[in-house]
Amino acid sequence: MTYKIITTPETEKDIEEAIKWYKDIQIGLALSFINELQAVRRFIHHNPNKIQVRYNNIRVVFLKRFPYGIHYKFEKEIITIVAIFHTSQNPKKWENS
């Protein structure tokens, strides 16, 4: 089955901030982050139901090398990535936005 992935503007901002953080440390680190993010996104795209629901119908899959989780909803054939959080952040940060 083919699923559609949607990212919110807030998610794009989360990604940009993380890339900038790693780029400021080392460009290679930023590239590694991008590659891992894309790999996990592909996993979600092919296996959206494999990740359990954590809270409020949100599923969270964690990157292996970087301390980030991809928070997403899966309804019918649509995967909506609602946030990409550093594991030290509280996901309730965006719930009331």
PDB file of N, CA and C in Angstrom:
ATOM      1  N   MET A   1       0.839  -1.185   0.000  1.00  0.00           N
ATOM      2  CA  MET A   1       0.000   0.000   0.000  1.00  0.00           C
ATOM      3  C   MET A   1       0.880   1.243   0.000  1.00  0.00           C
ATOM      4  N   THR A   2       0.444   2.248  -0.691  1.00  0.00           N
ATOM      5  CA  THR A   2       1.179   3.504  -0.766  1.00  0.00           C
ATOM      6  C   THR A   2       0.593   4.497   0.224  1.00  0.00           C
ATOM      7  N   TYR A   3       1.468   5.070   1.025  1.00  0.00           N
ATOM      8  CA  TYR A   3       1.060   6.064   2.008  1.00  0.00           C
ATOM      9  C   TYR A   3       1.605   7.421   1.612  1.00  0.00           C
ATOM     10  N   LYS A   4       0.901   8.445   2.034  1.00  0.00           N
ATOM     11  CA  LYS A   4       1.349   9.812   1.781  1.00  0.00           C
ATOM     12  C   LYS A   4       1.901  10.378   3.093  1.00  0.00           C
ATOM     13  N   ILE A   5       3.075  11.027   3.000  1.00  0.00           N
ATOM     14  CA  ILE A   5       3.662  11.665   4.182  1.00  0.00           C
ATOM     15  C   ILE A   5       3.509  13.174   4.060  1.00  0.00           C
ATOM     16  N   ILE A   6       3.028  13.757   5.133  1.00  0.00           N
ATOM     17  CA  ILE A   6       2.868  15.214   5.218  1.00  0.00           C
ATOM     18  C   ILE A   6       3.704  15.696   6.396  1.00  0.00           C
ATOM     19  N   THR A   7       4.414  16.799   6.219  1.00  0.00           N
ATOM     20  CA  THR A   7       5.112  17.416   7.343  1.00  0.00           C
ATOM     21  C   THR A   7       4.509  18.794   7.572  1.00  0.00           C
ATOM     22  N   THR A   8       4.383  19.160   8.814  1.00  0.00           N
ATOM     23  CA  THR A   8       3.818  20.461   9.156  1.00  0.00           C
ATOM     24  C   THR A   8       4.915  21.527   9.076  1.00  0.00           C
ATOM     25  N   PRO A   9       4.534  22.795   8.957  1.00  0.00           N
ATOM     26  CA  PRO A   9       5.540  23.864   8.976  1.00  0.00           C
ATOM     27  C   PRO A   9       6.369  23.851  10.263  1.00  0.00           C
ATOM     28  N   GLU A  10       5.745  23.490  11.375  1.00  0.00           N
ATOM     29  CA  GLU A  10       6.468  23.413  12.642  1.00  0.00           C
ATOM     30  C   GLU A  10       7.540  22.327  12.584  1.00  0.00           C
ATOM     31  N   THR A  11       7.214  21.224  11.920  1.00  0.00           N
ATOM     32  CA  THR A  11       8.181  20.139  11.760  1.00  0.00           C
ATOM     33  C   THR A  11       9.365  20.600  10.927  1.00  0.00           C
ATOM     34  N   GLU A  12       9.094  21.310   9.855  1.00  0.00           N
ATOM     35  CA  GLU A  12      10.172  21.836   9.012  1.00  0.00           C
ATOM     36  C   GLU A  12      11.085  22.751   9.824  1.00  0.00           C
ATOM     37  N   LYS A  13      10.484  23.547  10.709  1.00  0.00           N
ATOM     38  CA  LYS A  13      11.272  24.434  11.572  1.00  0.00           C
ATOM     39  C   LYS A  13      12.131  23.612  12.535  1.00  0.00           C
ATOM     40  N   ASP A  14      11.555  22.554  13.110  1.00  0.00           N
ATOM     41  CA  ASP A  14      12.317  21.669  14.000  1.00  0.00           C
ATOM     42  C   ASP A  14      13.539  21.101  13.272  1.00  0.00           C
ATOM     43  N   ILE A  15      13.331  20.653  12.040  1.00  0.00           N
ATOM     44  CA  ILE A  15      14.410  20.060  11.248  1.00  0.00           C
ATOM     45  C   ILE A  15      15.488  21.099  10.952  1.00  0.00           C
ATOM     46  N   GLU A  16      15.076  22.274  10.523  1.00  0.00           N
ATOM     47  CA  GLU A  16      16.035  23.343  10.206  1.00  0.00           C
ATOM     48  C   GLU A  16      16.882  23.708  11.427  1.00  0.00           C
ATOM     49  N   GLU A  17      16.245  23.793  12.596  1.00  0.00           N
ATOM     50  CA  GLU A  17      16.976  24.145  13.814  1.00  0.00           C
ATOM     51  C   GLU A  17      17.990  23.064  14.179  1.00  0.00           C
ATOM     52  N   ALA A  18      17.595  21.802  14.047  1.00  0.00           N
ATOM     53  CA  ALA A  18      18.508  20.707  14.367  1.00  0.00           C
ATOM     54  C   ALA A  18      19.677  20.680  13.391  1.00  0.00           C
ATOM     55  N   ILE A  19      19.406  20.865  12.117  1.00  0.00           N
ATOM     56  CA  ILE A  19      20.482  20.876  11.112  1.00  0.00           C
ATOM     57  C   ILE A  19      21.441  22.025  11.384  1.00  0.00           C
ATOM     58  N   LYS A  20      20.907  23.189  11.696  1.00  0.00           N
ATOM     59  CA  LYS A  20      21.771  24.338  11.996  1.00  0.00           C
ATOM     60  C   LYS A  20      22.648  24.040  13.205  1.00  0.00           C
ATOM     61  N   TRP A  21      22.075  23.433  14.236  1.00  0.00           N
ATOM     62  CA  TRP A  21      22.826  23.079  15.441  1.00  0.00           C
ATOM     63  C   TRP A  21      24.007  22.175  15.094  1.00  0.00           C
ATOM     64  N   TYR A  22      23.737  21.125  14.329  1.00  0.00           N
ATOM     65  CA  TYR A  22      24.803  20.185  13.978  1.00  0.00           C
ATOM     66  C   TYR A  22      25.787  20.787  12.982  1.00  0.00           C
ATOM     67  N   LYS A  23      25.306  21.638  12.098  1.00  0.00           N
ATOM     68  CA  LYS A  23      26.194  22.293  11.127  1.00  0.00           C
ATOM     69  C   LYS A  23      27.176  23.218  11.839  1.00  0.00           C
ATOM     70  N   ASP A  24      26.706  23.895  12.895  1.00  0.00           N
ATOM     71  CA  ASP A  24      27.579  24.773  13.677  1.00  0.00           C
ATOM     72  C   ASP A  24      28.679  23.985  14.389  1.00  0.00           C
ATOM     73  N   ILE A  25      28.392  22.738  14.700  1.00  0.00           N
ATOM     74  CA  ILE A  25      29.397  21.878  15.337  1.00  0.00           C
ATOM     75  C   ILE A  25      30.357  21.339  14.279  1.00  0.00           C
ATOM     76  N   GLN A  26      29.770  20.728  13.229  1.00  0.00           N
ATOM     77  CA  GLN A  26      30.581  20.152  12.146  1.00  0.00           C
ATOM     78  C   GLN A  26      29.655  19.809  10.981  1.00  0.00           C
ATOM     79  N   ILE A  27      30.008  20.196   9.778  1.00  0.00           N
ATOM     80  CA  ILE A  27      29.171  19.975   8.603  1.00  0.00           C
ATOM     81  C   ILE A  27      28.888  18.485   8.394  1.00  0.00           C
ATOM     82  N   GLY A  28      29.885  17.649   8.653  1.00  0.00           N
ATOM     83  CA  GLY A  28      29.692  16.204   8.491  1.00  0.00           C
ATOM     84  C   GLY A  28      28.646  15.649   9.433  1.00  0.00           C
ATOM     85  N   LEU A  29      28.568  16.223  10.630  1.00  0.00           N
ATOM     86  CA  LEU A  29      27.569  15.807  11.603  1.00  0.00           C
ATOM     87  C   LEU A  29      26.163  16.162  11.110  1.00  0.00           C
ATOM     88  N   ALA A  30      26.034  17.333  10.529  1.00  0.00           N
ATOM     89  CA  ALA A  30      24.745  17.752   9.966  1.00  0.00           C
ATOM     90  C   ALA A  30      24.327  16.812   8.842  1.00  0.00           C
ATOM     91  N   LEU A  31      25.262  16.432   7.996  1.00  0.00           N
ATOM     92  CA  LEU A  31      24.950  15.517   6.894  1.00  0.00           C
ATOM     93  C   LEU A  31      24.546  14.145   7.424  1.00  0.00           C
ATOM     94  N   SER A  32      25.220  13.672   8.461  1.00  0.00           N
ATOM     95  CA  SER A  32      24.853  12.394   9.081  1.00  0.00           C
ATOM     96  C   SER A  32      23.447  12.459   9.674  1.00  0.00           C
ATOM     97  N   PHE A  33      23.133  13.582  10.309  1.00  0.00           N
ATOM     98  CA  PHE A  33      21.795  13.770  10.873  1.00  0.00           C
ATOM     99  C   PHE A  33      20.742  13.711   9.769  1.00  0.00           C
ATOM    100  N   ILE A  34      20.981  14.424   8.683  1.00  0.00           N
ATOM    101  CA  ILE A  34      20.041  14.434   7.553  1.00  0.00           C
ATOM    102  C   ILE A  34      19.852  13.025   6.999  1.00  0.00           C
ATOM    103  N   ASN A  35      20.949  12.290   6.826  1.00  0.00           N
ATOM    104  CA  ASN A  35      20.863  10.930   6.289  1.00  0.00           C
ATOM    105  C   ASN A  35      20.061  10.009   7.204  1.00  0.00           C
ATOM    106  N   GLU A  36      20.312  10.111   8.503  1.00  0.00           N
ATOM    107  CA  GLU A  36      19.570   9.259   9.439  1.00  0.00           C
ATOM    108  C   GLU A  36      18.098   9.644   9.484  1.00  0.00           C
ATOM    109  N   LEU A  37      17.824  10.929   9.456  1.00  0.00           N
ATOM    110  CA  LEU A  37      16.449  11.412   9.442  1.00  0.00           C
ATOM    111  C   LEU A  37      15.709  10.860   8.220  1.00  0.00           C
ATOM    112  N   GLN A  38      16.349  10.886   7.067  1.00  0.00           N
ATOM    113  CA  GLN A  38      15.733  10.358   5.842  1.00  0.00           C
ATOM    114  C   GLN A  38      15.512   8.853   5.934  1.00  0.00           C
ATOM    115  N   ALA A  39      16.462   8.140   6.529  1.00  0.00           N
ATOM    116  CA  ALA A  39      16.322   6.683   6.674  1.00  0.00           C
ATOM    117  C   ALA A  39      15.135   6.340   7.577  1.00  0.00           C
ATOM    118  N   VAL A  40      14.992   7.048   8.681  1.00  0.00           N
ATOM    119  CA  VAL A  40      13.882   6.793   9.598  1.00  0.00           C
ATOM    120  C   VAL A  40      12.569   7.186   8.941  1.00  0.00           C
ATOM    121  N   ARG A  41      12.583   8.247   8.195  1.00  0.00           N
ATOM    122  CA  ARG A  41      11.372   8.664   7.474  1.00  0.00           C
ATOM    123  C   ARG A  41      10.951   7.590   6.463  1.00  0.00           C
ATOM    124  N   ARG A  42      11.920   6.998   5.773  1.00  0.00           N
ATOM    125  CA  ARG A  42      11.606   5.902   4.834  1.00  0.00           C
ATOM    126  C   ARG A  42      11.014   4.709   5.588  1.00  0.00           C
ATOM    127  N   PHE A  43      11.580   4.404   6.766  1.00  0.00           N
ATOM    128  CA  PHE A  43      11.051   3.317   7.585  1.00  0.00           C
ATOM    129  C   PHE A  43       9.585   3.586   7.936  1.00  0.00           C
ATOM    130  N   ILE A  44       9.303   4.800   8.397  1.00  0.00           N
ATOM    131  CA  ILE A  44       7.924   5.174   8.742  1.00  0.00           C
ATOM    132  C   ILE A  44       7.021   5.041   7.517  1.00  0.00           C
ATOM    133  N   HIS A  45       7.504   5.503   6.382  1.00  0.00           N
ATOM    134  CA  HIS A  45       6.717   5.468   5.149  1.00  0.00           C
ATOM    135  C   HIS A  45       6.313   4.042   4.781  1.00  0.00           C
ATOM    136  N   HIS A  46       7.215   3.090   4.988  1.00  0.00           N
ATOM    137  CA  HIS A  46       6.938   1.700   4.624  1.00  0.00           C
ATOM    138  C   HIS A  46       6.295   0.891   5.751  1.00  0.00           C
ATOM    139  N   ASN A  47       6.403   1.365   6.991  1.00  0.00           N
ATOM    140  CA  ASN A  47       5.923   0.616   8.153  1.00  0.00           C
ATOM    141  C   ASN A  47       5.207   1.503   9.174  1.00  0.00           C
ATOM    142  N   PRO A  48       4.226   2.276   8.773  1.00  0.00           N
ATOM    143  CA  PRO A  48       3.641   3.237   9.724  1.00  0.00           C
ATOM    144  C   PRO A  48       2.990   2.603  10.945  1.00  0.00           C
ATOM    145  N   ASN A  49       2.510   1.377  10.823  1.00  0.00           N
ATOM    146  CA  ASN A  49       1.845   0.718  11.957  1.00  0.00           C
ATOM    147  C   ASN A  49       2.801  -0.017  12.880  1.00  0.00           C
ATOM    148  N   LYS A  50       4.060  -0.133  12.521  1.00  0.00           N
ATOM    149  CA  LYS A  50       5.009  -0.893  13.345  1.00  0.00           C
ATOM    150  C   LYS A  50       5.359  -0.188  14.647  1.00  0.00           C
ATOM    151  N   ILE A  51       5.163   1.097  14.699  1.00  0.00           N
ATOM    152  CA  ILE A  51       5.492   1.874  15.895  1.00  0.00           C
ATOM    153  C   ILE A  51       4.223   2.040  16.725  1.00  0.00           C
ATOM    154  N   GLN A  52       4.335   1.763  18.015  1.00  0.00           N
ATOM    155  CA  GLN A  52       3.156   1.851  18.874  1.00  0.00           C
ATOM    156  C   GLN A  52       2.758   3.299  19.144  1.00  0.00           C
ATOM    157  N   VAL A  53       1.487   3.484  19.445  1.00  0.00           N
ATOM    158  CA  VAL A  53       0.970   4.795  19.827  1.00  0.00           C
ATOM    159  C   VAL A  53       1.487   5.103  21.228  1.00  0.00           C
ATOM    160  N   ARG A  54       2.053   6.315  21.397  1.00  0.00           N
ATOM    161  CA  ARG A  54       2.616   6.722  22.692  1.00  0.00           C
ATOM    162  C   ARG A  54       1.655   7.599  23.485  1.00  0.00           C
ATOM    163  N   TYR A  55       1.026   8.553  22.807  1.00  0.00           N
ATOM    164  CA  TYR A  55       0.120   9.475  23.491  1.00  0.00           C
ATOM    165  C   TYR A  55      -0.744  10.171  22.445  1.00  0.00           C
ATOM    166  N   ASN A  56      -1.985  10.481  22.789  1.00  0.00           N
ATOM    167  CA  ASN A  56      -2.901  11.240  21.924  1.00  0.00           C
ATOM    168  C   ASN A  56      -2.855  10.806  20.462  1.00  0.00           C
ATOM    169  N   ASN A  57      -2.823   9.510  20.204  1.00  0.00           N
ATOM    170  CA  ASN A  57      -2.781   8.963  18.847  1.00  0.00           C
ATOM    171  C   ASN A  57      -1.487   9.318  18.105  1.00  0.00           C
ATOM    172  N   ILE A  58      -0.455   9.672  18.851  1.00  0.00           N
ATOM    173  CA  ILE A  58       0.850  10.013  18.279  1.00  0.00           C
ATOM    174  C   ILE A  58       1.799   8.836  18.474  1.00  0.00           C
ATOM    175  N   ARG A  59       2.493   8.508  17.411  1.00  0.00           N
ATOM    176  CA  ARG A  59       3.523   7.470  17.444  1.00  0.00           C
ATOM    177  C   ARG A  59       4.876   8.167  17.449  1.00  0.00           C
ATOM    178  N   VAL A  60       5.858   7.556  18.095  1.00  0.00           N
ATOM    179  CA  VAL A  60       7.190   8.169  18.165  1.00  0.00           C
ATOM    180  C   VAL A  60       8.219   7.112  17.792  1.00  0.00           C
ATOM    181  N   VAL A  61       9.064   7.453  16.820  1.00  0.00           N
ATOM    182  CA  VAL A  61      10.188   6.590  16.466  1.00  0.00           C
ATOM    183  C   VAL A  61      11.458   7.411  16.682  1.00  0.00           C
ATOM    184  N   PHE A  62      12.450   6.793  17.310  1.00  0.00           N
ATOM    185  CA  PHE A  62      13.669   7.506  17.678  1.00  0.00           C
ATOM    186  C   PHE A  62      14.794   7.229  16.691  1.00  0.00           C
ATOM    187  N   LEU A  63      15.582   8.259  16.438  1.00  0.00           N
ATOM    188  CA  LEU A  63      16.780   8.084  15.629  1.00  0.00           C
ATOM    189  C   LEU A  63      17.776   7.301  16.478  1.00  0.00           C
ATOM    190  N   LYS A  64      18.659   6.560  15.831  1.00  0.00           N
ATOM    191  CA  LYS A  64      19.611   5.732  16.576  1.00  0.00           C
ATOM    192  C   LYS A  64      20.814   6.520  17.068  1.00  0.00           C
ATOM    193  N   ARG A  65      21.378   7.338  16.207  1.00  0.00           N
ATOM    194  CA  ARG A  65      22.618   8.023  16.549  1.00  0.00           C
ATOM    195  C   ARG A  65      22.392   9.384  17.197  1.00  0.00           C
ATOM    196  N   PHE A  66      21.269   9.978  16.943  1.00  0.00           N
ATOM    197  CA  PHE A  66      20.985  11.333  17.417  1.00  0.00           C
ATOM    198  C   PHE A  66      19.808  11.299  18.385  1.00  0.00           C
ATOM    199  N   PRO A  67      19.802  12.177  19.391  1.00  0.00           N
ATOM    200  CA  PRO A  67      18.754  12.142  20.417  1.00  0.00           C
ATOM    201  C   PRO A  67      17.473  12.861  19.987  1.00  0.00           C
ATOM    202  N   TYR A  68      16.865  12.359  18.930  1.00  0.00           N
ATOM    203  CA  TYR A  68      15.641  12.951  18.402  1.00  0.00           C
ATOM    204  C   TYR A  68      14.596  11.875  18.189  1.00  0.00           C
ATOM    205  N   GLY A  69      13.345  12.275  18.348  1.00  0.00           N
ATOM    206  CA  GLY A  69      12.219  11.400  18.055  1.00  0.00           C
ATOM    207  C   GLY A  69      11.332  12.059  17.018  1.00  0.00           C
ATOM    208  N   ILE A  70      10.839  11.258  16.096  1.00  0.00           N
ATOM    209  CA  ILE A  70       9.891  11.743  15.090  1.00  0.00           C
ATOM    210  C   ILE A  70       8.497  11.373  15.599  1.00  0.00           C
ATOM    211  N   HIS A  71       7.682  12.388  15.808  1.00  0.00           N
ATOM    212  CA  HIS A  71       6.324  12.218  16.327  1.00  0.00           C
ATOM    213  C   HIS A  71       5.366  12.318  15.139  1.00  0.00           C
ATOM    214  N   TYR A  72       4.548  11.283  14.963  1.00  0.00           N
ATOM    215  CA  TYR A  72       3.654  11.300  13.807  1.00  0.00           C
ATOM    216  C   TYR A  72       2.314  10.651  14.109  1.00  0.00           C
ATOM    217  N   LYS A  73       1.332  11.029  13.296  1.00  0.00           N
ATOM    218  CA  LYS A  73       0.002  10.433  13.331  1.00  0.00           C
ATOM    219  C   LYS A  73      -0.148   9.598  12.066  1.00  0.00           C
ATOM    220  N   PHE A  74      -0.887   8.511  12.173  1.00  0.00           N
ATOM    221  CA  PHE A  74      -1.164   7.680  11.012  1.00  0.00           C
ATOM    222  C   PHE A  74      -2.653   7.407  10.973  1.00  0.00           C
ATOM    223  N   GLU A  75      -3.316   7.988   9.993  1.00  0.00           N
ATOM    224  CA  GLU A  75      -4.755   7.826   9.847  1.00  0.00           C
ATOM    225  C   GLU A  75      -5.056   7.510   8.391  1.00  0.00           C
ATOM    226  N   LYS A  76      -5.743   6.400   8.196  1.00  0.00           N
ATOM    227  CA  LYS A  76      -6.068   5.901   6.864  1.00  0.00           C
ATOM    228  C   LYS A  76      -4.781   5.713   6.080  1.00  0.00           C
ATOM    229  N   GLU A  77      -4.554   6.469   5.041  1.00  0.00           N
ATOM    230  CA  GLU A  77      -3.337   6.306   4.240  1.00  0.00           C
ATOM    231  C   GLU A  77      -2.418   7.523   4.340  1.00  0.00           C
ATOM    232  N   ILE A  78      -2.638   8.350   5.376  1.00  0.00           N
ATOM    233  CA  ILE A  78      -1.880   9.585   5.536  1.00  0.00           C
ATOM    234  C   ILE A  78      -1.028   9.519   6.806  1.00  0.00           C
ATOM    235  N   ILE A  79       0.255   9.794   6.632  1.00  0.00           N
ATOM    236  CA  ILE A  79       1.189   9.894   7.750  1.00  0.00           C
ATOM    237  C   ILE A  79       1.501  11.378   7.907  1.00  0.00           C
ATOM    238  N   THR A  80       1.189  11.933   9.060  1.00  0.00           N
ATOM    239  CA  THR A  80       1.463  13.345   9.306  1.00  0.00           C
ATOM    240  C   THR A  80       2.533  13.452  10.381  1.00  0.00           C
ATOM    241  N   ILE A  81       3.701  13.937   9.986  1.00  0.00           N
ATOM    242  CA  ILE A  81       4.772  14.153  10.956  1.00  0.00           C
ATOM    243  C   ILE A  81       4.486  15.492  11.619  1.00  0.00           C
ATOM    244  N   VAL A  82       4.197  15.441  12.912  1.00  0.00           N
ATOM    245  CA  VAL A  82       3.781  16.650  13.620  1.00  0.00           C
ATOM    246  C   VAL A  82       4.927  17.351  14.324  1.00  0.00           C
ATOM    247  N   ALA A  83       6.018  16.612  14.591  1.00  0.00           N
ATOM    248  CA  ALA A  83       7.162  17.239  15.258  1.00  0.00           C
ATOM    249  C   ALA A  83       8.375  16.319  15.207  1.00  0.00           C
ATOM    250  N   ILE A  84       9.523  16.941  15.304  1.00  0.00           N
ATOM    251  CA  ILE A  84      10.776  16.221  15.488  1.00  0.00           C
ATOM    252  C   ILE A  84      11.429  16.872  16.690  1.00  0.00           C
ATOM    253  N   PHE A  85      11.467  16.116  17.798  1.00  0.00           N
ATOM    254  CA  PHE A  85      11.904  16.666  19.068  1.00  0.00           C
ATOM    255  C   PHE A  85      13.213  16.066  19.533  1.00  0.00           C
ATOM    256  N   HIS A  86      14.037  16.907  20.109  1.00  0.00           N
ATOM    257  CA  HIS A  86      15.188  16.434  20.876  1.00  0.00           C
ATOM    258  C   HIS A  86      14.602  15.722  22.092  1.00  0.00           C
ATOM    259  N   THR A  87      15.199  14.635  22.501  1.00  0.00           N
ATOM    260  CA  THR A  87      14.613  13.841  23.585  1.00  0.00           C
ATOM    261  C   THR A  87      14.545  14.580  24.919  1.00  0.00           C
ATOM    262  N   SER A  88      15.268  15.686  25.060  1.00  0.00           N
ATOM    263  CA  SER A  88      15.185  16.460  26.304  1.00  0.00           C
ATOM    264  C   SER A  88      13.983  17.404  26.314  1.00  0.00           C
ATOM    265  N   GLN A  89      13.287  17.537  25.177  1.00  0.00           N
ATOM    266  CA  GLN A  89      12.128  18.426  25.103  1.00  0.00           C
ATOM    267  C   GLN A  89      10.859  17.695  25.515  1.00  0.00           C
ATOM    268  N   ASN A  90       9.899  18.448  25.996  1.00  0.00           N
ATOM    269  CA  ASN A  90       8.607  17.912  26.384  1.00  0.00           C
ATOM    270  C   ASN A  90       7.659  18.011  25.192  1.00  0.00           C
ATOM    271  N   PRO A  91       7.078  16.889  24.723  1.00  0.00           N
ATOM    272  CA  PRO A  91       6.188  16.942  23.577  1.00  0.00           C
ATOM    273  C   PRO A  91       4.921  17.767  23.819  1.00  0.00           C
ATOM    274  N   LYS A  92       4.594  18.041  25.068  1.00  0.00           N
ATOM    275  CA  LYS A  92       3.424  18.872  25.359  1.00  0.00           C
ATOM    276  C   LYS A  92       3.643  20.312  24.883  1.00  0.00           C
ATOM    277  N   LYS A  93       4.893  20.641  24.540  1.00  0.00           N
ATOM    278  CA  LYS A  93       5.238  21.978  24.056  1.00  0.00           C
ATOM    279  C   LYS A  93       4.355  22.403  22.887  1.00  0.00           C
ATOM    280  N   TRP A  94       4.041  21.491  21.974  1.00  0.00           N
ATOM    281  CA  TRP A  94       3.268  21.853  20.795  1.00  0.00           C
ATOM    282  C   TRP A  94       1.805  21.483  20.893  1.00  0.00           C
ATOM    283  N   GLU A  95       1.406  20.709  21.905  1.00  0.00           N
ATOM    284  CA  GLU A  95       0.015  20.267  21.999  1.00  0.00           C
ATOM    285  C   GLU A  95      -0.961  21.432  22.116  1.00  0.00           C
ATOM    286  N   ASN A  96      -0.574  22.478  22.829  1.00  0.00           N
ATOM    287  CA  ASN A  96      -1.475  23.597  23.058  1.00  0.00           C
ATOM    288  C   ASN A  96      -1.266  24.741  22.093  1.00  0.00           C
ATOM    289  N   SER A  97      -0.429  24.545  21.075  1.00  0.00           N
ATOM    290  CA  SER A  97      -0.139  25.633  20.125  1.00  0.00           C
ATOM    291  C   SER A  97      -1.279  25.826  19.167  1.00  0.00           C
TER     292      SER A  97
END
